[in-house]
Full PDB file with SEQRES, HELIX, SHEET, SSBOND, CRYST1, ORIGX, SCALE, CONECT and MASTER records, all heavy atoms in Angstrom:
SEQRES   1 A   32  GLU ARG GLU ALA VAL SER CYS ILE TRP GLY SER ASP GLY          
SEQRES   2 A   32  ARG THR ASP TYR GLY ASP SER VAL LYS GLY ARG PHE THR          
SEQRES   3 A   32  ILE SER ARG ASP LYS ALA                                      
SHEET    1 AA1 2 SER A   6  ILE A   8  0                                        
SHEET    2 AA1 2 THR A  15  TYR A  17 -1                                        
CRYST1    1.000    1.000    1.000  90.00  90.00  90.00 P 1           1          
ORIGX1      1.000000  0.000000  0.000000        0.00000                         
ORIGX2      0.000000  1.000000  0.000000        0.00000                         
ORIGX3      0.000000  0.000000  1.000000        0.00000                         
SCALE1      1.000000  0.000000  0.000000        0.00000                         
SCALE2      0.000000  1.000000  0.000000        0.00000                         
SCALE3      0.000000  0.000000  1.000000        0.00000                         
ATOM      1  N   GLU A   1     -27.936  -3.599  29.835  1.00  0.00           N  
ATOM      2  CA  GLU A   1     -28.809  -4.171  28.815  1.00  0.00           C  
ATOM      3  C   GLU A   1     -28.324  -5.558  28.417  1.00  0.00           C  
ATOM      4  O   GLU A   1     -27.135  -5.870  28.523  1.00  0.00           O  
ATOM      5  CB  GLU A   1     -28.845  -3.255  27.586  1.00  0.00           C  
ATOM      6  CG  GLU A   1     -29.525  -1.929  27.830  1.00  0.00           C  
ATOM      7  CD  GLU A   1     -29.690  -1.128  26.551  1.00  0.00           C  
ATOM      8  OE1 GLU A   1     -29.222  -1.585  25.499  1.00  0.00           O  
ATOM      9  OE2 GLU A   1     -30.299  -0.049  26.613  1.00  0.00           O  
ATOM     10  N   ARG A   2     -29.256  -6.368  27.932  1.00  0.00           N  
ATOM     11  CA  ARG A   2     -28.894  -7.690  27.441  1.00  0.00           C  
ATOM     12  C   ARG A   2     -28.097  -7.529  26.158  1.00  0.00           C  
ATOM     13  O   ARG A   2     -28.469  -6.758  25.272  1.00  0.00           O  
ATOM     14  CB  ARG A   2     -30.158  -8.501  27.190  1.00  0.00           C  
ATOM     15  CG  ARG A   2     -29.912  -9.962  26.960  1.00  0.00           C  
ATOM     16  CD  ARG A   2     -31.215 -10.739  27.048  1.00  0.00           C  
ATOM     17  NE  ARG A   2     -31.824 -10.598  28.364  1.00  0.00           N  
ATOM     18  CZ  ARG A   2     -32.934 -11.223  28.732  1.00  0.00           C  
ATOM     19  NH1 ARG A   2     -33.565 -12.022  27.877  1.00  0.00           N  
ATOM     20  NH2 ARG A   2     -33.429 -11.041  29.929  1.00  0.00           N  
ATOM     21  N   GLU A   3     -26.998  -8.248  26.045  1.00  0.00           N  
ATOM     22  CA  GLU A   3     -26.132  -8.120  24.869  1.00  0.00           C  
ATOM     23  C   GLU A   3     -25.875  -9.491  24.248  1.00  0.00           C  
ATOM     24  O   GLU A   3     -25.809 -10.511  24.954  1.00  0.00           O  
ATOM     25  CB  GLU A   3     -24.795  -7.465  25.236  1.00  0.00           C  
ATOM     26  CG  GLU A   3     -23.954  -8.258  26.200  1.00  0.00           C  
ATOM     27  CD  GLU A   3     -22.550  -7.679  26.388  1.00  0.00           C  
ATOM     28  OE1 GLU A   3     -22.122  -6.859  25.556  1.00  0.00           O  
ATOM     29  OE2 GLU A   3     -21.886  -8.085  27.356  1.00  0.00           O  
ATOM     30  N   ALA A   4     -25.695  -9.491  22.937  1.00  0.00           N  
ATOM     31  CA  ALA A   4     -25.350 -10.730  22.234  1.00  0.00           C  
ATOM     32  C   ALA A   4     -23.880 -11.045  22.476  1.00  0.00           C  
ATOM     33  O   ALA A   4     -23.025 -10.174  22.331  1.00  0.00           O  
ATOM     34  CB  ALA A   4     -25.633 -10.591  20.752  1.00  0.00           C  
ATOM     35  N   VAL A   5     -23.611 -12.280  22.851  1.00  0.00           N  
ATOM     36  CA  VAL A   5     -22.241 -12.718  23.115  1.00  0.00           C  
ATOM     37  C   VAL A   5     -21.674 -13.463  21.922  1.00  0.00           C  
ATOM     38  O   VAL A   5     -20.553 -13.199  21.481  1.00  0.00           O  
ATOM     39  CB  VAL A   5     -22.219 -13.634  24.353  1.00  0.00           C  
ATOM     40  CG1 VAL A   5     -20.827 -14.219  24.572  1.00  0.00           C  
ATOM     41  CG2 VAL A   5     -22.683 -12.865  25.587  1.00  0.00           C  
ATOM     42  N   SER A   6     -22.468 -14.374  21.382  1.00  0.00           N  
ATOM     43  CA  SER A   6     -21.994 -15.195  20.280  1.00  0.00           C  
ATOM     44  C   SER A   6     -23.188 -15.861  19.617  1.00  0.00           C  
ATOM     45  O   SER A   6     -24.258 -15.997  20.219  1.00  0.00           O  
ATOM     46  CB  SER A   6     -21.025 -16.261  20.802  1.00  0.00           C  
ATOM     47  OG  SER A   6     -20.554 -17.078  19.759  1.00  0.00           O  
ATOM     48  N   CYS A   7     -23.013 -16.274  18.375  1.00  0.00           N  
ATOM     49  CA  CYS A   7     -24.056 -17.028  17.697  1.00  0.00           C  
ATOM     50  C   CYS A   7     -23.428 -17.972  16.687  1.00  0.00           C  
ATOM     51  O   CYS A   7     -22.287 -17.765  16.248  1.00  0.00           O  
ATOM     52  CB  CYS A   7     -25.073 -16.112  17.023  1.00  0.00           C  
ATOM     53  SG  CYS A   7     -24.389 -14.978  15.812  1.00  0.00           S  
ATOM     54  N   ILE A   8     -24.185 -19.005  16.345  1.00  0.00           N  
ATOM     55  CA  ILE A   8     -23.728 -19.977  15.365  1.00  0.00           C  
ATOM     56  C   ILE A   8     -24.859 -20.189  14.369  1.00  0.00           C  
ATOM     57  O   ILE A   8     -26.010 -20.402  14.748  1.00  0.00           O  
ATOM     58  CB  ILE A   8     -23.286 -21.288  16.052  1.00  0.00           C  
ATOM     59  CG1 ILE A   8     -22.702 -22.263  15.038  1.00  0.00           C  
ATOM     60  CG2 ILE A   8     -24.419 -21.928  16.866  1.00  0.00           C  
ATOM     61  CD1 ILE A   8     -21.937 -23.428  15.684  1.00  0.00           C  
ATOM     62  N   TRP A   9     -24.506 -20.119  13.091  1.00  0.00           N  
ATOM     63  CA  TRP A   9     -25.519 -20.242  12.044  1.00  0.00           C  
ATOM     64  C   TRP A   9     -26.023 -21.682  11.935  1.00  0.00           C  
ATOM     65  O   TRP A   9     -25.270 -22.634  12.149  1.00  0.00           O  
ATOM     66  CB  TRP A   9     -24.900 -19.825  10.707  1.00  0.00           C  
ATOM     67  CG  TRP A   9     -25.077 -18.392  10.367  1.00  0.00           C  
ATOM     68  CD1 TRP A   9     -25.858 -17.865   9.387  1.00  0.00           C  
ATOM     69  CD2 TRP A   9     -24.437 -17.270  10.998  1.00  0.00           C  
ATOM     70  NE1 TRP A   9     -25.740 -16.501   9.348  1.00  0.00           N  
ATOM     71  CE2 TRP A   9     -24.878 -16.100  10.331  1.00  0.00           C  
ATOM     72  CE3 TRP A   9     -23.538 -17.130  12.058  1.00  0.00           C  
ATOM     73  CZ2 TRP A   9     -24.458 -14.819  10.686  1.00  0.00           C  
ATOM     74  CZ3 TRP A   9     -23.116 -15.860  12.430  1.00  0.00           C  
ATOM     75  CH2 TRP A   9     -23.577 -14.727  11.748  1.00  0.00           C  
ATOM     76  N   GLY A  10     -27.292 -21.798  11.527  1.00  0.00           N  
ATOM     77  CA  GLY A  10     -27.845 -23.114  11.306  1.00  0.00           C  
ATOM     78  C   GLY A  10     -27.479 -23.675   9.947  1.00  0.00           C  
ATOM     79  O   GLY A  10     -27.358 -24.879   9.769  1.00  0.00           O  
ATOM     80  N   SER A  11     -27.294 -22.805   8.964  1.00  0.00           N  
ATOM     81  CA  SER A  11     -27.085 -23.242   7.589  1.00  0.00           C  
ATOM     82  C   SER A  11     -25.689 -23.813   7.345  1.00  0.00           C  
ATOM     83  O   SER A  11     -25.544 -24.832   6.677  1.00  0.00           O  
ATOM     84  CB  SER A  11     -27.328 -22.070   6.642  1.00  0.00           C  
ATOM     85  OG  SER A  11     -26.510 -20.970   7.005  1.00  0.00           O  
ATOM     86  N   ASP A  12     -24.677 -23.144   7.878  1.00  0.00           N  
ATOM     87  CA  ASP A  12     -23.312 -23.566   7.559  1.00  0.00           C  
ATOM     88  C   ASP A  12     -22.362 -23.578   8.746  1.00  0.00           C  
ATOM     89  O   ASP A  12     -21.164 -23.786   8.568  1.00  0.00           O  
ATOM     90  CB  ASP A  12     -22.732 -22.686   6.451  1.00  0.00           C  
ATOM     91  CG  ASP A  12     -22.725 -21.209   6.823  1.00  0.00           C  
ATOM     92  OD1 ASP A  12     -22.988 -20.884   7.999  1.00  0.00           O  
ATOM     93  OD2 ASP A  12     -22.469 -20.381   5.929  1.00  0.00           O  
ATOM     94  N   GLY A  13     -22.886 -23.322   9.937  1.00  0.00           N  
ATOM     95  CA  GLY A  13     -22.048 -23.406  11.123  1.00  0.00           C  
ATOM     96  C   GLY A  13     -21.117 -22.226  11.334  1.00  0.00           C  
ATOM     97  O   GLY A  13     -20.224 -22.282  12.196  1.00  0.00           O  
ATOM     98  N   ARG A  14     -21.300 -21.156  10.532  1.00  0.00           N  
ATOM     99  CA  ARG A  14     -20.495 -19.962  10.796  1.00  0.00           C  
ATOM    100  C   ARG A  14     -20.737 -19.479  12.212  1.00  0.00           C  
ATOM    101  O   ARG A  14     -21.781 -19.720  12.793  1.00  0.00           O  
ATOM    102  CB  ARG A  14     -20.882 -18.844   9.829  1.00  0.00           C  
ATOM    103  CG  ARG A  14     -20.285 -18.943   8.438  1.00  0.00           C  
ATOM    104  CD  ARG A  14     -20.809 -17.817   7.576  1.00  0.00           C  
ATOM    105  NE  ARG A  14     -22.230 -17.964   7.311  1.00  0.00           N  
ATOM    106  CZ  ARG A  14     -23.049 -16.965   7.029  1.00  0.00           C  
ATOM    107  NH1 ARG A  14     -22.584 -15.724   7.011  1.00  0.00           N  
ATOM    108  NH2 ARG A  14     -24.319 -17.199   6.779  1.00  0.00           N  
ATOM    109  N   THR A  15     -19.763 -18.772  12.739  1.00  0.00           N  
ATOM    110  CA  THR A  15     -19.883 -18.244  14.094  1.00  0.00           C  
ATOM    111  C   THR A  15     -19.573 -16.752  14.113  1.00  0.00           C  
ATOM    112  O   THR A  15     -18.889 -16.234  13.232  1.00  0.00           O  
ATOM    113  CB  THR A  15     -18.935 -18.975  15.054  1.00  0.00           C  
ATOM    114  OG1 THR A  15     -17.585 -18.829  14.590  1.00  0.00           O  
ATOM    115  CG2 THR A  15     -19.261 -20.464  15.144  1.00  0.00           C  
ATOM    116  N   ASP A  16     -20.074 -16.096  15.117  1.00  0.00           N  
ATOM    117  CA  ASP A  16     -19.795 -14.678  15.303  1.00  0.00           C  
ATOM    118  C   ASP A  16     -19.684 -14.425  16.801  1.00  0.00           C  
ATOM    119  O   ASP A  16     -20.325 -15.124  17.605  1.00  0.00           O  
ATOM    120  CB  ASP A  16     -20.903 -13.824  14.688  1.00  0.00           C  
ATOM    121  CG  ASP A  16     -20.471 -12.381  14.485  1.00  0.00           C  
ATOM    122  OD1 ASP A  16     -19.269 -12.085  14.663  1.00  0.00           O  
ATOM    123  OD2 ASP A  16     -21.327 -11.534  14.141  1.00  0.00           O  
ATOM    124  N   TYR A  17     -18.879 -13.430  17.162  1.00  0.00           N  
ATOM    125  CA  TYR A  17     -18.641 -13.139  18.572  1.00  0.00           C  
ATOM    126  C   TYR A  17     -18.672 -11.638  18.820  1.00  0.00           C  
ATOM    127  O   TYR A  17     -18.277 -10.836  17.975  1.00  0.00           O  
ATOM    128  CB  TYR A  17     -17.265 -13.674  19.006  1.00  0.00           C  
ATOM    129  CG  TYR A  17     -17.125 -15.168  18.895  1.00  0.00           C  
ATOM    130  CD1 TYR A  17     -16.653 -15.760  17.730  1.00  0.00           C  
ATOM    131  CD2 TYR A  17     -17.489 -15.994  19.946  1.00  0.00           C  
ATOM    132  CE1 TYR A  17     -16.542 -17.133  17.614  1.00  0.00           C  
ATOM    133  CE2 TYR A  17     -17.377 -17.371  19.854  1.00  0.00           C  
ATOM    134  CZ  TYR A  17     -16.911 -17.929  18.677  1.00  0.00           C  
ATOM    135  OH  TYR A  17     -16.805 -19.299  18.576  1.00  0.00           O  
ATOM    136  N   GLY A  18     -19.104 -11.280  20.020  1.00  0.00           N  
ATOM    137  CA  GLY A  18     -19.003  -9.894  20.433  1.00  0.00           C  
ATOM    138  C   GLY A  18     -17.535  -9.534  20.655  1.00  0.00           C  
ATOM    139  O   GLY A  18     -16.724 -10.406  20.998  1.00  0.00           O  
ATOM    140  N   ASP A  19     -17.210  -8.261  20.498  1.00  0.00           N  
ATOM    141  CA  ASP A  19     -15.814  -7.836  20.615  1.00  0.00           C  
ATOM    142  C   ASP A  19     -15.220  -8.168  21.986  1.00  0.00           C  
ATOM    143  O   ASP A  19     -14.029  -8.470  22.097  1.00  0.00           O  
ATOM    144  CB  ASP A  19     -15.709  -6.331  20.367  1.00  0.00           C  
ATOM    145  CG  ASP A  19     -15.923  -5.976  18.908  1.00  0.00           C  
ATOM    146  OD1 ASP A  19     -15.789  -6.872  18.047  1.00  0.00           O  
ATOM    147  OD2 ASP A  19     -16.242  -4.803  18.621  1.00  0.00           O  
ATOM    148  N   SER A  20     -16.048  -8.115  23.023  1.00  0.00           N  
ATOM    149  CA  SER A  20     -15.531  -8.314  24.371  1.00  0.00           C  
ATOM    150  C   SER A  20     -15.158  -9.766  24.670  1.00  0.00           C  
ATOM    151  O   SER A  20     -14.470 -10.027  25.662  1.00  0.00           O  
ATOM    152  CB  SER A  20     -16.558  -7.826  25.402  1.00  0.00           C  
ATOM    153  OG  SER A  20     -17.747  -8.579  25.305  1.00  0.00           O  
ATOM    154  N   VAL A  21     -15.606 -10.700  23.836  1.00  0.00           N  
ATOM    155  CA  VAL A  21     -15.323 -12.114  24.124  1.00  0.00           C  
ATOM    156  C   VAL A  21     -14.497 -12.788  23.041  1.00  0.00           C  
ATOM    157  O   VAL A  21     -14.129 -13.959  23.189  1.00  0.00           O  
ATOM    158  CB  VAL A  21     -16.625 -12.908  24.350  1.00  0.00           C  
ATOM    159  CG1 VAL A  21     -17.472 -12.261  25.434  1.00  0.00           C  
ATOM    160  CG2 VAL A  21     -17.408 -13.069  23.055  1.00  0.00           C  
ATOM    161  N   LYS A  22     -14.202 -12.094  21.960  1.00  0.00           N  
ATOM    162  CA  LYS A  22     -13.427 -12.690  20.863  1.00  0.00           C  
ATOM    163  C   LYS A  22     -12.078 -13.189  21.374  1.00  0.00           C  
ATOM    164  O   LYS A  22     -11.384 -12.485  22.114  1.00  0.00           O  
ATOM    165  CB  LYS A  22     -13.205 -11.665  19.749  1.00  0.00           C  
ATOM    166  CG  LYS A  22     -14.401 -11.490  18.841  1.00  0.00           C  
ATOM    167  CD  LYS A  22     -14.111 -10.463  17.748  1.00  0.00           C  
ATOM    168  CE  LYS A  22     -15.335 -10.269  16.869  1.00  0.00           C  
ATOM    169  NZ  LYS A  22     -15.129  -9.223  15.844  1.00  0.00           N  
ATOM    170  N   GLY A  23     -11.745 -14.398  20.972  1.00  0.00           N  
ATOM    171  CA  GLY A  23     -10.483 -14.984  21.394  1.00  0.00           C  
ATOM    172  C   GLY A  23     -10.552 -15.695  22.731  1.00  0.00           C  
ATOM    173  O   GLY A  23      -9.609 -16.382  23.113  1.00  0.00           O  
ATOM    174  N   ARG A  24     -11.650 -15.527  23.450  1.00  0.00           N  
ATOM    175  CA  ARG A  24     -11.782 -16.170  24.770  1.00  0.00           C  
ATOM    176  C   ARG A  24     -12.927 -17.180  24.796  1.00  0.00           C  
ATOM    177  O   ARG A  24     -12.839 -18.197  25.476  1.00  0.00           O  
ATOM    178  CB  ARG A  24     -12.032 -15.112  25.848  1.00  0.00           C  
ATOM    179  CG  ARG A  24     -10.929 -14.087  25.986  1.00  0.00           C  
ATOM    180  CD  ARG A  24     -11.156 -13.205  27.211  1.00  0.00           C  
ATOM    181  NE  ARG A  24     -12.396 -12.434  27.130  1.00  0.00           N  
ATOM    182  CZ  ARG A  24     -13.366 -12.479  28.034  1.00  0.00           C  
ATOM    183  NH1 ARG A  24     -13.262 -13.268  29.091  1.00  0.00           N  
ATOM    184  NH2 ARG A  24     -14.455 -11.731  27.905  1.00  0.00           N  
ATOM    185  N   PHE A  25     -13.993 -16.896  24.077  1.00  0.00           N  
ATOM    186  CA  PHE A  25     -15.180 -17.758  24.084  1.00  0.00           C  
ATOM    187  C   PHE A  25     -15.262 -18.514  22.749  1.00  0.00           C  
ATOM    188  O   PHE A  25     -14.886 -17.976  21.697  1.00  0.00           O  
ATOM    189  CB  PHE A  25     -16.450 -16.933  24.261  1.00  0.00           C  
ATOM    190  CG  PHE A  25     -16.636 -16.336  25.631  1.00  0.00           C  
ATOM    191  CD1 PHE A  25     -15.613 -16.318  26.573  1.00  0.00           C  
ATOM    192  CD2 PHE A  25     -17.858 -15.784  25.980  1.00  0.00           C  
ATOM    193  CE1 PHE A  25     -15.795 -15.765  27.829  1.00  0.00           C  
ATOM    194  CE2 PHE A  25     -18.057 -15.225  27.233  1.00  0.00           C  
ATOM    195  CZ  PHE A  25     -17.022 -15.217  28.155  1.00  0.00           C  
ATOM    196  N   THR A  26     -15.799 -19.724  22.806  1.00  0.00           N  
ATOM    197  CA  THR A  26     -15.996 -20.522  21.604  1.00  0.00           C  
ATOM    198  C   THR A  26     -17.385 -21.152  21.645  1.00  0.00           C  
ATOM    199  O   THR A  26     -17.733 -21.839  22.612  1.00  0.00           O  
ATOM    200  CB  THR A  26     -14.944 -21.633  21.489  1.00  0.00           C  
ATOM    201  OG1 THR A  26     -13.633 -21.054  21.502  1.00  0.00           O  
ATOM    202  CG2 THR A  26     -15.128 -22.412  20.193  1.00  0.00           C  
ATOM    203  N   ILE A  27     -18.151 -20.927  20.580  1.00  0.00           N  
ATOM    204  CA  ILE A  27     -19.478 -21.520  20.478  1.00  0.00           C  
ATOM    205  C   ILE A  27     -19.393 -22.738  19.559  1.00  0.00           C  
ATOM    206  O   ILE A  27     -18.640 -22.736  18.576  1.00  0.00           O  
ATOM    207  CB  ILE A  27     -20.508 -20.492  19.955  1.00  0.00           C  
ATOM    208  CG1 ILE A  27     -21.931 -21.013  20.102  1.00  0.00           C  
ATOM    209  CG2 ILE A  27     -20.207 -20.088  18.517  1.00  0.00           C  
ATOM    210  CD1 ILE A  27     -23.003 -19.943  19.811  1.00  0.00           C  
ATOM    211  N   SER A  28     -20.158 -23.774  19.864  1.00  0.00           N  
ATOM    212  CA  SER A  28     -20.094 -24.980  19.052  1.00  0.00           C  
ATOM    213  C   SER A  28     -21.397 -25.768  19.181  1.00  0.00           C  
ATOM    214  O   SER A  28     -22.166 -25.577  20.132  1.00  0.00           O  
ATOM    215  CB  SER A  28     -18.923 -25.858  19.485  1.00  0.00           C  
ATOM    216  OG  SER A  28     -19.089 -26.293  20.830  1.00  0.00           O  
ATOM    217  N   ARG A  29     -21.599 -26.647  18.203  1.00  0.00           N  
ATOM    218  CA  ARG A  29     -22.748 -27.566  18.243  1.00  0.00           C  
ATOM    219  C   ARG A  29     -22.221 -28.981  18.448  1.00  0.00           C  
ATOM    220  O   ARG A  29     -21.132 -29.316  17.966  1.00  0.00           O  
ATOM    221  CB  ARG A  29     -23.488 -27.561  16.917  1.00  0.00           C  
ATOM    222  CG  ARG A  29     -24.172 -26.285  16.539  1.00  0.00           C  
ATOM    223  CD  ARG A  29     -24.801 -26.436  15.155  1.00  0.00           C  
ATOM    224  NE  ARG A  29     -25.457 -25.226  14.717  1.00  0.00           N  
ATOM    225  CZ  ARG A  29     -26.728 -24.940  14.939  1.00  0.00           C  
ATOM    226  NH1 ARG A  29     -27.485 -25.808  15.588  1.00  0.00           N  
ATOM    227  NH2 ARG A  29     -27.256 -23.818  14.521  1.00  0.00           N  
ATOM    228  N   ASP A  30     -22.993 -29.826  19.093  1.00  0.00           N  
ATOM    229  CA  ASP A  30     -22.601 -31.230  19.127  1.00  0.00           C  
ATOM    230  C   ASP A  30     -23.023 -31.873  17.805  1.00  0.00           C  
ATOM    231  O   ASP A  30     -23.795 -31.319  17.036  1.00  0.00           O  
ATOM    232  CB  ASP A  30     -23.222 -31.934  20.332  1.00  0.00           C  
ATOM    233  CG  ASP A  30     -24.723 -32.130  20.194  1.00  0.00           C  
ATOM    234  OD1 ASP A  30     -25.365 -31.380  19.424  1.00  0.00           O  
ATOM    235  OD2 ASP A  30     -25.263 -33.019  20.867  1.00  0.00           O  
ATOM    236  N   LYS A  31     -22.507 -33.067  17.528  1.00  0.00           N  
ATOM    237  CA  LYS A  31     -22.731 -33.706  16.226  1.00  0.00           C  
ATOM    238  C   LYS A  31     -24.202 -34.036  15.993  1.00  0.00           C  
ATOM    239  O   LYS A  31     -24.660 -34.087  14.865  1.00  0.00           O  
ATOM    240  CB  LYS A  31     -21.875 -34.959  16.114  1.00  0.00           C  
ATOM    241  CG  LYS A  31     -20.386 -34.653  15.977  1.00  0.00           C  
ATOM    242  CD  LYS A  31     -19.570 -35.910  15.743  1.00  0.00           C  
ATOM    243  CE  LYS A  31     -18.103 -35.579  15.560  1.00  0.00           C  
ATOM    244  NZ  LYS A  31     -17.278 -36.787  15.319  1.00  0.00           N  
ATOM    245  N   ALA A  32     -24.923 -34.263  17.030  1.00  0.00           N  
ATOM    246  CA  ALA A  32     -26.345 -34.577  16.895  1.00  0.00           C  
ATOM    247  C   ALA A  32     -27.200 -33.325  16.762  1.00  0.00           C  
ATOM    248  O   ALA A  32     -28.415 -33.421  16.585  1.00  0.00           O  
ATOM    249  CB  ALA A  32     -26.808 -35.388  18.107  1.00  0.00           C  
TER     250      ALA A  32                                                      
MASTER        0    0    0    0    2    0    0    6  249    1    0    3          
END                                                                             
């Protein structure tokens, strides 16, 4: 099944990660 890996909030830039990728993956936005 399709699973959520990570997400980043639009309001404050908070991030969240799935347990299987925590500590290995990093989500980010560019300045623009």
